[in-house]
């Protein structure tokens, strides 16, 4: 399969399935960075060949004119920020916004 077509199919089919509902994931930075290595292995699974970095794949996609491809962890962070923006714009009475920004008024007992 031609490389440009492979990159376009990857961006249109694999990435949306891979990061579906990612805005609700509770991941720290180390597992987020593993998404890039998984994407690299999915795109270029060569046995016995030299290592191809994910940054090189991103540069290659821009050179070939394939779709705008950014790193997976940046896509996940973008989706998280979009969800946070939706929650910020919600009315104050919504439970989602209250649970995110609410304060606990209860008093803890001693002991």
PDB file of N, CA and C in Angstrom:
ATOM      1  N   UNK A   1       0.851  -1.168   0.000  1.00  0.00           N
ATOM      2  CA  UNK A   1       0.000   0.000   0.000  1.00  0.00           C
ATOM      3  C   UNK A   1       0.899   1.235   0.000  1.00  0.00           C
ATOM      4  N   UNK A   2       0.506   2.226  -0.731  1.00  0.00           N
ATOM      5  CA  UNK A   2       1.304   3.449  -0.784  1.00  0.00           C
ATOM      6  C   UNK A   2       1.287   4.135   0.574  1.00  0.00           C
ATOM      7  N   UNK A   3       2.392   4.782   0.888  1.00  0.00           N
ATOM      8  CA  UNK A   3       2.570   5.360   2.210  1.00  0.00           C
ATOM      9  C   UNK A   3       1.569   6.479   2.486  1.00  0.00           C
ATOM     10  N   UNK A   4       1.310   7.324   1.511  1.00  0.00           N
ATOM     11  CA  UNK A   4       0.365   8.422   1.710  1.00  0.00           C
ATOM     12  C   UNK A   4      -1.025   7.895   2.010  1.00  0.00           C
ATOM     13  N   UNK A   5      -1.455   6.879   1.271  1.00  0.00           N
ATOM     14  CA  UNK A   5      -2.774   6.293   1.501  1.00  0.00           C
ATOM     15  C   UNK A   5      -2.838   5.609   2.863  1.00  0.00           C
ATOM     16  N   UNK A   6      -1.752   4.971   3.244  1.00  0.00           N
ATOM     17  CA  UNK A   6      -1.698   4.300   4.537  1.00  0.00           C
ATOM     18  C   UNK A   6      -1.820   5.311   5.681  1.00  0.00           C
ATOM     19  N   UNK A   7      -1.134   6.455   5.551  1.00  0.00           N
ATOM     20  CA  UNK A   7      -1.217   7.490   6.575  1.00  0.00           C
ATOM     21  C   UNK A   7      -2.613   8.095   6.648  1.00  0.00           C
ATOM     22  N   UNK A   8      -3.238   8.318   5.490  1.00  0.00           N
ATOM     23  CA  UNK A   8      -4.589   8.873   5.488  1.00  0.00           C
ATOM     24  C   UNK A   8      -5.591   7.913   6.123  1.00  0.00           C
ATOM     25  N   UNK A   9      -5.476   6.636   5.820  1.00  0.00           N
ATOM     26  CA  UNK A   9      -6.365   5.650   6.426  1.00  0.00           C
ATOM     27  C   UNK A   9      -6.129   5.558   7.929  1.00  0.00           C
ATOM     28  N   UNK A  10      -4.872   5.678   8.333  1.00  0.00           N
ATOM     29  CA  UNK A  10      -4.555   5.635   9.760  1.00  0.00           C
ATOM     30  C   UNK A  10      -5.197   6.805  10.491  1.00  0.00           C
ATOM     31  N   UNK A  11      -5.108   7.993   9.903  1.00  0.00           N
ATOM     32  CA  UNK A  11      -5.672   9.188  10.544  1.00  0.00           C
ATOM     33  C   UNK A  11      -7.199   9.121  10.578  1.00  0.00           C
ATOM     34  N   UNK A  12      -7.822   8.602   9.546  1.00  0.00           N
ATOM     35  CA  UNK A  12      -9.279   8.585   9.468  1.00  0.00           C
ATOM     36  C   UNK A  12      -9.935   7.422  10.197  1.00  0.00           C
ATOM     37  N   UNK A  13      -9.252   6.284  10.297  1.00  0.00           N
ATOM     38  CA  UNK A  13      -9.893   5.094  10.853  1.00  0.00           C
ATOM     39  C   UNK A  13      -9.317   4.657  12.200  1.00  0.00           C
ATOM     40  N   UNK A  14      -8.020   4.587  12.287  1.00  0.00           N
ATOM     41  CA  UNK A  14      -7.406   4.012  13.488  1.00  0.00           C
ATOM     42  C   UNK A  14      -7.397   4.999  14.641  1.00  0.00           C
ATOM     43  N   UNK A  15      -6.998   6.229  14.376  1.00  0.00           N
ATOM     44  CA  UNK A  15      -6.888   7.207  15.451  1.00  0.00           C
ATOM     45  C   UNK A  15      -8.233   7.482  16.119  1.00  0.00           C
ATOM     46  N   UNK A  16      -9.334   7.718  15.390  1.00  0.00           N
ATOM     47  CA  UNK A  16     -10.608   7.934  16.093  1.00  0.00           C
ATOM     48  C   UNK A  16     -11.046   6.738  16.934  1.00  0.00           C
ATOM     49  N   UNK A  17     -10.790   5.534  16.448  1.00  0.00           N
ATOM     50  CA  UNK A  17     -11.151   4.353  17.234  1.00  0.00           C
ATOM     51  C   UNK A  17     -10.256   4.216  18.454  1.00  0.00           C
ATOM     52  N   UNK A  18      -9.013   4.605  18.318  1.00  0.00           N
ATOM     53  CA  UNK A  18      -8.040   4.462  19.405  1.00  0.00           C
ATOM     54  C   UNK A  18      -8.277   5.458  20.528  1.00  0.00           C
ATOM     55  N   UNK A  19      -8.681   6.677  20.190  1.00  0.00           N
ATOM     56  CA  UNK A  19      -8.842   7.701  21.229  1.00  0.00           C
ATOM     57  C   UNK A  19     -10.313   8.003  21.519  1.00  0.00           C
ATOM     58  N   UNK A  20     -11.191   7.074  21.205  1.00  0.00           N
ATOM     59  CA  UNK A  20     -12.613   7.281  21.472  1.00  0.00           C
ATOM     60  C   UNK A  20     -12.834   7.492  22.962  1.00  0.00           C
ATOM     61  N   UNK A  21     -13.541   8.530  23.306  1.00  0.00           N
ATOM     62  CA  UNK A  21     -13.909   8.860  24.682  1.00  0.00           C
ATOM     63  C   UNK A  21     -12.683   9.103  25.560  1.00  0.00           C
ATOM     64  N   UNK A  22     -11.606   9.564  24.969  1.00  0.00           N
ATOM     65  CA  UNK A  22     -10.364   9.754  25.712  1.00  0.00           C
ATOM     66  C   UNK A  22     -10.418  10.958  26.639  1.00  0.00           C
ATOM     67  N   UNK A  23     -11.382  11.834  26.467  1.00  0.00           N
ATOM     68  CA  UNK A  23     -11.444  13.018  27.312  1.00  0.00           C
ATOM     69  C   UNK A  23     -11.799  12.653  28.750  1.00  0.00           C
ATOM     70  N   UNK A  24     -12.337  11.477  28.967  1.00  0.00           N
ATOM     71  CA  UNK A  24     -12.706  11.049  30.308  1.00  0.00           C
ATOM     72  C   UNK A  24     -11.682  10.112  30.940  1.00  0.00           C
ATOM     73  N   UNK A  25     -10.611   9.803  30.235  1.00  0.00           N
ATOM     74  CA  UNK A  25      -9.586   8.921  30.780  1.00  0.00           C
ATOM     75  C   UNK A  25      -8.797   9.655  31.844  1.00  0.00           C
ATOM     76  N   UNK A  26      -8.405   8.929  32.844  1.00  0.00           N
ATOM     77  CA  UNK A  26      -7.592   9.500  33.911  1.00  0.00           C
ATOM     78  C   UNK A  26      -6.195   8.910  33.800  1.00  0.00           C
ATOM     79  N   UNK A  27      -5.393   9.462  32.920  1.00  0.00           N
ATOM     80  CA  UNK A  27      -4.051   8.951  32.678  1.00  0.00           C
ATOM     81  C   UNK A  27      -3.014   9.997  33.047  1.00  0.00           C
ATOM     82  N   UNK A  28      -1.873   9.527  33.508  1.00  0.00           N
ATOM     83  CA  UNK A  28      -0.757  10.422  33.760  1.00  0.00           C
ATOM     84  C   UNK A  28       0.130  10.441  32.520  1.00  0.00           C
ATOM     85  N   UNK A  29       1.215  11.174  32.560  1.00  0.00           N
ATOM     86  CA  UNK A  29       1.995  11.425  31.340  1.00  0.00           C
ATOM     87  C   UNK A  29       2.694  10.181  30.794  1.00  0.00           C
ATOM     88  N   UNK A  30       3.134   9.259  31.644  1.00  0.00           N
ATOM     89  CA  UNK A  30       3.875   8.107  31.137  1.00  0.00           C
ATOM     90  C   UNK A  30       3.006   7.215  30.235  1.00  0.00           C
ATOM     91  N   UNK A  31       1.785   6.826  30.644  1.00  0.00           N
ATOM     92  CA  UNK A  31       0.957   6.043  29.710  1.00  0.00           C
ATOM     93  C   UNK A  31       0.540   6.832  28.467  1.00  0.00           C
ATOM     94  N   UNK A  32       0.415   8.142  28.592  1.00  0.00           N
ATOM     95  CA  UNK A  32       0.057   8.948  27.429  1.00  0.00           C
ATOM     96  C   UNK A  32       1.149   8.895  26.373  1.00  0.00           C
ATOM     97  N   UNK A  33       2.393   8.890  26.793  1.00  0.00           N
ATOM     98  CA  UNK A  33       3.498   8.837  25.835  1.00  0.00           C
ATOM     99  C   UNK A  33       3.592   7.474  25.157  1.00  0.00           C
ATOM    100  N   UNK A  34       3.053   6.441  25.778  1.00  0.00           N
ATOM    101  CA  UNK A  34       3.074   5.114  25.165  1.00  0.00           C
ATOM    102  C   UNK A  34       2.163   5.046  23.941  1.00  0.00           C
ATOM    103  N   UNK A  35       1.187   5.937  23.856  1.00  0.00           N
ATOM    104  CA  UNK A  35       0.302   5.951  22.697  1.00  0.00           C
ATOM    105  C   UNK A  35       1.083   6.214  21.413  1.00  0.00           C
ATOM    106  N   UNK A  36       2.114   7.055  21.504  1.00  0.00           N
ATOM    107  CA  UNK A  36       2.928   7.353  20.331  1.00  0.00           C
ATOM    108  C   UNK A  36       3.682   6.114  19.853  1.00  0.00           C
ATOM    109  N   UNK A  37       4.224   5.346  20.786  1.00  0.00           N
ATOM    110  CA  UNK A  37       4.969   4.151  20.372  1.00  0.00           C
ATOM    111  C   UNK A  37       4.042   3.095  19.791  1.00  0.00           C
ATOM    112  N   UNK A  38       2.824   2.995  20.311  1.00  0.00           N
ATOM    113  CA  UNK A  38       1.861   2.048  19.748  1.00  0.00           C
ATOM    114  C   UNK A  38       1.470   2.471  18.337  1.00  0.00           C
ATOM    115  N   UNK A  39       1.278   3.765  18.131  1.00  0.00           N
ATOM    116  CA  UNK A  39       0.938   4.260  16.795  1.00  0.00           C
ATOM    117  C   UNK A  39       2.079   4.013  15.820  1.00  0.00           C
ATOM    118  N   UNK A  40       3.305   4.177  16.278  1.00  0.00           N
ATOM    119  CA  UNK A  40       4.459   3.917  15.417  1.00  0.00           C
ATOM    120  C   UNK A  40       4.508   2.453  15.010  1.00  0.00           C
ATOM    121  N   UNK A  41       4.258   1.577  15.973  1.00  0.00           N
ATOM    122  CA  UNK A  41       4.270   0.145  15.657  1.00  0.00           C
ATOM    123  C   UNK A  41       3.140  -0.240  14.716  1.00  0.00           C
ATOM    124  N   UNK A  42       1.990   0.416  14.849  1.00  0.00           N
ATOM    125  CA  UNK A  42       0.881   0.113  13.944  1.00  0.00           C
ATOM    126  C   UNK A  42       1.176   0.552  12.519  1.00  0.00           C
ATOM    127  N   UNK A  43       1.843   1.683  12.377  1.00  0.00           N
ATOM    128  CA  UNK A  43       2.136   2.200  11.045  1.00  0.00           C
ATOM    129  C   UNK A  43       3.282   1.472  10.370  1.00  0.00           C
ATOM    130  N   UNK A  44       4.361   1.295  11.084  1.00  0.00           N
ATOM    131  CA  UNK A  44       5.567   0.715  10.494  1.00  0.00           C
ATOM    132  C   UNK A  44       6.009  -0.471  11.319  1.00  0.00           C
ATOM    133  N   UNK A  45       5.505  -1.616  10.986  1.00  0.00           N
ATOM    134  CA  UNK A  45       5.883  -2.837  11.689  1.00  0.00           C
ATOM    135  C   UNK A  45       6.819  -3.625  10.786  1.00  0.00           C
ATOM    136  N   UNK A  46       8.081  -3.209  10.781  1.00  0.00           N
ATOM    137  CA  UNK A  46       9.088  -3.869   9.959  1.00  0.00           C
ATOM    138  C   UNK A  46       9.910  -4.789  10.840  1.00  0.00           C
ATOM    139  N   UNK A  47      10.058  -6.008  10.439  1.00  0.00           N
ATOM    140  CA  UNK A  47      10.908  -6.939  11.180  1.00  0.00           C
ATOM    141  C   UNK A  47      12.328  -6.841  10.624  1.00  0.00           C
ATOM    142  N   UNK A  48      13.284  -6.672  11.526  1.00  0.00           N
ATOM    143  CA  UNK A  48      14.677  -6.636  11.116  1.00  0.00           C
ATOM    144  C   UNK A  48      15.125  -5.327  10.496  1.00  0.00           C
ATOM    145  N   UNK A  49      14.281  -4.321  10.501  1.00  0.00           N
ATOM    146  CA  UNK A  49      14.664  -3.024   9.942  1.00  0.00           C
ATOM    147  C   UNK A  49      15.057  -2.076  11.052  1.00  0.00           C
ATOM    148  N   UNK A  50      15.620  -0.972  10.670  1.00  0.00           N
ATOM    149  CA  UNK A  50      16.029   0.032  11.645  1.00  0.00           C
ATOM    150  C   UNK A  50      14.817   0.681  12.289  1.00  0.00           C
ATOM    151  N   UNK A  51      15.041   1.275  13.444  1.00  0.00           N
ATOM    152  CA  UNK A  51      14.002   1.962  14.201  1.00  0.00           C
ATOM    153  C   UNK A  51      13.574   3.231  13.460  1.00  0.00           C
ATOM    154  N   UNK A  52      12.286   3.448  13.386  1.00  0.00           N
ATOM    155  CA  UNK A  52      11.745   4.672  12.795  1.00  0.00           C
ATOM    156  C   UNK A  52      11.003   5.404  13.900  1.00  0.00           C
ATOM    157  N   UNK A  53      11.404   6.629  14.205  1.00  0.00           N
ATOM    158  CA  UNK A  53      10.777   7.360  15.305  1.00  0.00           C
ATOM    159  C   UNK A  53       9.417   7.903  14.874  1.00  0.00           C
ATOM    160  N   UNK A  54       8.593   8.153  15.871  1.00  0.00           N
ATOM    161  CA  UNK A  54       7.256   8.682  15.599  1.00  0.00           C
ATOM    162  C   UNK A  54       7.339  10.114  15.094  1.00  0.00           C
ATOM    163  N   UNK A  55       8.325  10.852  15.551  1.00  0.00           N
ATOM    164  CA  UNK A  55       8.515  12.224  15.055  1.00  0.00           C
ATOM    165  C   UNK A  55       8.830  12.219  13.560  1.00  0.00           C
ATOM    166  N   UNK A  56       9.622  11.242  13.131  1.00  0.00           N
ATOM    167  CA  UNK A  56       9.925  11.111  11.702  1.00  0.00           C
ATOM    168  C   UNK A  56       8.657  10.798  10.914  1.00  0.00           C
ATOM    169  N   UNK A  57       7.788   9.977  11.465  1.00  0.00           N
ATOM    170  CA  UNK A  57       6.526   9.646  10.799  1.00  0.00           C
ATOM    171  C   UNK A  57       5.657  10.896  10.666  1.00  0.00           C
ATOM    172  N   UNK A  58       5.625  11.724  11.716  1.00  0.00           N
ATOM    173  CA  UNK A  58       4.841  12.960  11.658  1.00  0.00           C
ATOM    174  C   UNK A  58       5.384  13.912  10.600  1.00  0.00           C
ATOM    175  N   UNK A  59       6.709  14.042  10.544  1.00  0.00           N
ATOM    176  CA  UNK A  59       7.317  14.903   9.527  1.00  0.00           C
ATOM    177  C   UNK A  59       7.061  14.357   8.130  1.00  0.00           C
ATOM    178  N   UNK A  60       7.136  13.057   7.996  1.00  0.00           N
ATOM    179  CA  UNK A  60       6.895  12.417   6.706  1.00  0.00           C
ATOM    180  C   UNK A  60       5.457  12.623   6.246  1.00  0.00           C
ATOM    181  N   UNK A  61       4.516  12.582   7.170  1.00  0.00           N
ATOM    182  CA  UNK A  61       3.119  12.800   6.795  1.00  0.00           C
ATOM    183  C   UNK A  61       2.887  14.224   6.305  1.00  0.00           C
ATOM    184  N   UNK A  62       3.575  15.200   6.910  1.00  0.00           N
ATOM    185  CA  UNK A  62       3.451  16.587   6.439  1.00  0.00           C
ATOM    186  C   UNK A  62       4.119  16.772   5.081  1.00  0.00           C
ATOM    187  N   UNK A  63       5.241  16.093   4.856  1.00  0.00           N
ATOM    188  CA  UNK A  63       5.932  16.200   3.573  1.00  0.00           C
ATOM    189  C   UNK A  63       5.092  15.588   2.455  1.00  0.00           C
ATOM    190  N   UNK A  64       4.489  14.432   2.729  1.00  0.00           N
ATOM    191  CA  UNK A  64       3.688  13.750   1.713  1.00  0.00           C
ATOM    192  C   UNK A  64       2.349  14.433   1.464  1.00  0.00           C
ATOM    193  N   UNK A  65       1.979  15.350   2.332  1.00  0.00           N
ATOM    194  CA  UNK A  65       0.710  16.041   2.150  1.00  0.00           C
ATOM    195  C   UNK A  65      -0.470  15.238   2.653  1.00  0.00           C
ATOM    196  N   UNK A  66      -0.197  14.285   3.512  1.00  0.00           N
ATOM    197  CA  UNK A  66      -1.296  13.533   4.115  1.00  0.00           C
ATOM    198  C   UNK A  66      -2.031  14.449   5.087  1.00  0.00           C
ATOM    199  N   UNK A  67      -3.035  13.942   5.697  1.00  0.00           N
ATOM    200  CA  UNK A  67      -3.833  14.757   6.606  1.00  0.00           C
ATOM    201  C   UNK A  67      -2.966  15.282   7.734  1.00  0.00           C
ATOM    202  N   UNK A  68      -3.443  16.331   8.405  1.00  0.00           N
ATOM    203  CA  UNK A  68      -2.690  16.874   9.532  1.00  0.00           C
ATOM    204  C   UNK A  68      -2.618  15.822  10.625  1.00  0.00           C
ATOM    205  N   UNK A  69      -1.443  15.338  10.835  1.00  0.00           N
ATOM    206  CA  UNK A  69      -1.231  14.290  11.825  1.00  0.00           C
ATOM    207  C   UNK A  69      -0.387  14.862  12.945  1.00  0.00           C
ATOM    208  N   UNK A  70      -0.906  14.808  14.162  1.00  0.00           N
ATOM    209  CA  UNK A  70      -0.144  15.239  15.325  1.00  0.00           C
ATOM    210  C   UNK A  70       0.011  14.040  16.243  1.00  0.00           C
ATOM    211  N   UNK A  71       0.842  14.186  17.253  1.00  0.00           N
ATOM    212  CA  UNK A  71       1.101  13.050  18.122  1.00  0.00           C
ATOM    213  C   UNK A  71      -0.156  12.677  18.905  1.00  0.00           C
ATOM    214  N   UNK A  72      -0.236  11.407  19.262  1.00  0.00           N
ATOM    215  CA  UNK A  72      -1.433  10.878  19.919  1.00  0.00           C
ATOM    216  C   UNK A  72      -1.657  11.532  21.272  1.00  0.00           C
ATOM    217  N   UNK A  73      -0.606  11.746  22.047  1.00  0.00           N
ATOM    218  CA  UNK A  73      -0.821  12.325  23.365  1.00  0.00           C
ATOM    219  C   UNK A  73      -1.295  13.772  23.267  1.00  0.00           C
ATOM    220  N   UNK A  74      -0.918  14.484  22.213  1.00  0.00           N
ATOM    221  CA  UNK A  74      -1.445  15.839  22.024  1.00  0.00           C
ATOM    222  C   UNK A  74      -2.913  15.819  21.628  1.00  0.00           C
ATOM    223  N   UNK A  75      -3.322  14.808  20.847  1.00  0.00           N
ATOM    224  CA  UNK A  75      -4.746  14.661  20.511  1.00  0.00           C
ATOM    225  C   UNK A  75      -5.580  14.395  21.751  1.00  0.00           C
ATOM    226  N   UNK A  76      -5.065  13.560  22.632  1.00  0.00           N
ATOM    227  CA  UNK A  76      -5.789  13.246  23.865  1.00  0.00           C
ATOM    228  C   UNK A  76      -5.883  14.480  24.749  1.00  0.00           C
ATOM    229  N   UNK A  77      -4.810  15.242  24.864  1.00  0.00           N
ATOM    230  CA  UNK A  77      -4.849  16.466  25.658  1.00  0.00           C
ATOM    231  C   UNK A  77      -5.812  17.488  25.055  1.00  0.00           C
ATOM    232  N   UNK A  78      -5.867  17.554  23.735  1.00  0.00           N
ATOM    233  CA  UNK A  78      -6.800  18.468  23.072  1.00  0.00           C
ATOM    234  C   UNK A  78      -8.248  18.082  23.390  1.00  0.00           C
ATOM    235  N   UNK A  79      -8.547  16.781  23.359  1.00  0.00           N
ATOM    236  CA  UNK A  79      -9.897  16.322  23.670  1.00  0.00           C
ATOM    237  C   UNK A  79     -10.257  16.608  25.133  1.00  0.00           C
ATOM    238  N   UNK A  80      -9.295  16.455  26.031  1.00  0.00           N
ATOM    239  CA  UNK A  80      -9.545  16.766  27.438  1.00  0.00           C
ATOM    240  C   UNK A  80      -9.865  18.241  27.626  1.00  0.00           C
ATOM    241  N   UNK A  81      -9.121  19.101  26.939  1.00  0.00           N
ATOM    242  CA  UNK A  81      -9.370  20.538  27.057  1.00  0.00           C
ATOM    243  C   UNK A  81     -10.725  20.922  26.462  1.00  0.00           C
ATOM    244  N   UNK A  82     -11.132  20.241  25.388  1.00  0.00           N
ATOM    245  CA  UNK A  82     -12.453  20.515  24.820  1.00  0.00           C
ATOM    246  C   UNK A  82     -13.554  20.165  25.817  1.00  0.00           C
ATOM    247  N   UNK A  83     -13.419  19.011  26.493  1.00  0.00           N
ATOM    248  CA  UNK A  83     -14.408  18.632  27.499  1.00  0.00           C
ATOM    249  C   UNK A  83     -14.413  19.624  28.656  1.00  0.00           C
ATOM    250  N   UNK A  84     -13.231  20.044  29.084  1.00  0.00           N
ATOM    251  CA  UNK A  84     -13.147  21.014  30.171  1.00  0.00           C
ATOM    252  C   UNK A  84     -13.815  22.332  29.773  1.00  0.00           C
ATOM    253  N   UNK A  85     -13.652  22.752  28.529  1.00  0.00           N
ATOM    254  CA  UNK A  85     -14.316  23.967  28.051  1.00  0.00           C
ATOM    255  C   UNK A  85     -15.831  23.836  28.068  1.00  0.00           C
ATOM    256  N   UNK A  86     -16.339  22.645  27.704  1.00  0.00           N
ATOM    257  CA  UNK A  86     -17.787  22.419  27.760  1.00  0.00           C
ATOM    258  C   UNK A  86     -18.276  22.509  29.203  1.00  0.00           C
ATOM    259  N   UNK A  87     -17.525  21.934  30.126  1.00  0.00           N
ATOM    260  CA  UNK A  87     -17.947  21.961  31.527  1.00  0.00           C
ATOM    261  C   UNK A  87     -17.906  23.377  32.079  1.00  0.00           C
ATOM    262  N   UNK A  88     -16.927  24.162  31.685  1.00  0.00           N
ATOM    263  CA  UNK A  88     -16.817  25.554  32.148  1.00  0.00           C
ATOM    264  C   UNK A  88     -18.035  26.363  31.705  1.00  0.00           C
ATOM    265  N   UNK A  89     -18.510  26.114  30.480  1.00  0.00           N
ATOM    266  CA  UNK A  89     -19.626  26.892  29.945  1.00  0.00           C
ATOM    267  C   UNK A  89     -20.993  26.398  30.418  1.00  0.00           C
ATOM    268  N   UNK A  90     -21.047  25.310  31.169  1.00  0.00           N
ATOM    269  CA  UNK A  90     -22.328  24.804  31.670  1.00  0.00           C
ATOM    270  C   UNK A  90     -22.892  25.738  32.726  1.00  0.00           C
ATOM    271  N   UNK A  91     -24.185  25.589  32.980  1.00  0.00           N
ATOM    272  CA  UNK A  91     -24.811  26.354  34.060  1.00  0.00           C
ATOM    273  C   UNK A  91     -24.286  25.838  35.390  1.00  0.00           C
ATOM    274  N   UNK A  92     -24.316  26.713  36.394  1.00  0.00           N
ATOM    275  CA  UNK A  92     -23.760  26.349  37.696  1.00  0.00           C
ATOM    276  C   UNK A  92     -24.567  25.274  38.406  1.00  0.00           C
ATOM    277  N   UNK A  93     -25.823  25.067  38.007  1.00  0.00           N
ATOM    278  CA  UNK A  93     -26.673  24.086  38.675  1.00  0.00           C
ATOM    279  C   UNK A  93     -26.388  22.649  38.227  1.00  0.00           C
ATOM    280  N   UNK A  94     -25.662  22.471  37.120  1.00  0.00           N
ATOM    281  CA  UNK A  94     -25.390  21.119  36.614  1.00  0.00           C
ATOM    282  C   UNK A  94     -24.506  20.355  37.581  1.00  0.00           C
ATOM    283  N   UNK A  95     -24.804  19.074  37.768  1.00  0.00           N
ATOM    284  CA  UNK A  95     -24.066  18.259  38.734  1.00  0.00           C
ATOM    285  C   UNK A  95     -22.619  18.023  38.306  1.00  0.00           C
ATOM    286  N   UNK A  96     -22.386  17.968  37.008  1.00  0.00           N
ATOM    287  CA  UNK A  96     -21.017  17.768  36.534  1.00  0.00           C
ATOM    288  C   UNK A  96     -20.131  18.936  36.957  1.00  0.00           C
ATOM    289  N   UNK A  97     -20.651  20.134  36.773  1.00  0.00           N
ATOM    290  CA  UNK A  97     -19.873  21.317  37.137  1.00  0.00           C
ATOM    291  C   UNK A  97     -19.748  21.439  38.649  1.00  0.00           C
ATOM    292  N   UNK A  98     -20.794  21.094  39.381  1.00  0.00           N
ATOM    293  CA  UNK A  98     -20.720  21.147  40.838  1.00  0.00           C
ATOM    294  C   UNK A  98     -19.710  20.150  41.381  1.00  0.00           C
ATOM    295  N   UNK A  99     -19.652  18.966  40.771  1.00  0.00           N
ATOM    296  CA  UNK A  99     -18.700  17.975  41.267  1.00  0.00           C
ATOM    297  C   UNK A  99     -17.263  18.357  40.932  1.00  0.00           C
ATOM    298  N   UNK A 100     -17.063  19.084  39.846  1.00  0.00           N
ATOM    299  CA  UNK A 100     -15.713  19.485  39.469  1.00  0.00           C
ATOM    300  C   UNK A 100     -15.224  20.680  40.278  1.00  0.00           C
ATOM    301  N   UNK A 101     -16.093  21.652  40.487  1.00  0.00           N
ATOM    302  CA  UNK A 101     -15.690  22.882  41.159  1.00  0.00           C
ATOM    303  C   UNK A 101     -16.291  23.058  42.540  1.00  0.00           C
ATOM    304  N   UNK A 102     -17.122  22.117  42.957  1.00  0.00           N
ATOM    305  CA  UNK A 102     -17.813  22.261  44.238  1.00  0.00           C
ATOM    306  C   UNK A 102     -16.888  22.131  45.426  1.00  0.00           C
ATOM    307  N   UNK A 103     -17.331  22.703  46.524  1.00  0.00           N
ATOM    308  CA  UNK A 103     -16.599  22.613  47.766  1.00  0.00           C
ATOM    309  C   UNK A 103     -17.407  21.769  48.744  1.00  0.00           C
ATOM    310  N   UNK A 104     -16.721  21.112  49.620  1.00  0.00           N
ATOM    311  CA  UNK A 104     -17.399  20.284  50.619  1.00  0.00           C
ATOM    312  C   UNK A 104     -17.599  21.163  51.849  1.00  0.00           C
ATOM    313  N   UNK A 105     -18.864  21.331  52.238  1.00  0.00           N
ATOM    314  CA  UNK A 105     -19.193  22.180  53.379  1.00  0.00           C
ATOM    315  C   UNK A 105     -19.323  21.397  54.662  1.00  0.00           C
ATOM    316  N   UNK A 106     -19.226  20.093  54.607  1.00  0.00           N
ATOM    317  CA  UNK A 106     -19.391  19.272  55.796  1.00  0.00           C
ATOM    318  C   UNK A 106     -18.209  19.406  56.732  1.00  0.00           C
ATOM    319  N   UNK A 107     -18.475  19.167  57.986  1.00  0.00           N
ATOM    320  CA  UNK A 107     -17.441  19.231  59.010  1.00  0.00           C
ATOM    321  C   UNK A 107     -17.040  17.811  59.370  1.00  0.00           C
ATOM    322  N   UNK A 108     -15.761  17.567  59.407  1.00  0.00           N
ATOM    323  CA  UNK A 108     -15.279  16.225  59.784  1.00  0.00           C
ATOM    324  C   UNK A 108     -15.218  16.115  61.294  1.00  0.00           C
ATOM    325  N   UNK A 109     -15.638  14.967  61.761  1.00  0.00           N
ATOM    326  CA  UNK A 109     -15.561  14.718  63.199  1.00  0.00           C
ATOM    327  C   UNK A 109     -14.154  14.337  63.573  1.00  0.00           C
ATOM    328  N   UNK A 110     -13.807  14.555  64.805  1.00  0.00           N
ATOM    329  CA  UNK A 110     -12.487  14.223  65.303  1.00  0.00           C
ATOM    330  C   UNK A 110     -12.312  12.721  65.392  1.00  0.00           C
ATOM    331  N   UNK A 111     -11.093  12.294  65.087  1.00  0.00           N
ATOM    332  CA  UNK A 111     -10.775  10.871  65.271  1.00  0.00           C
ATOM    333  C   UNK A 111     -11.012  10.106  64.112  1.00  0.00           C
TER     334      UNK A 111
END
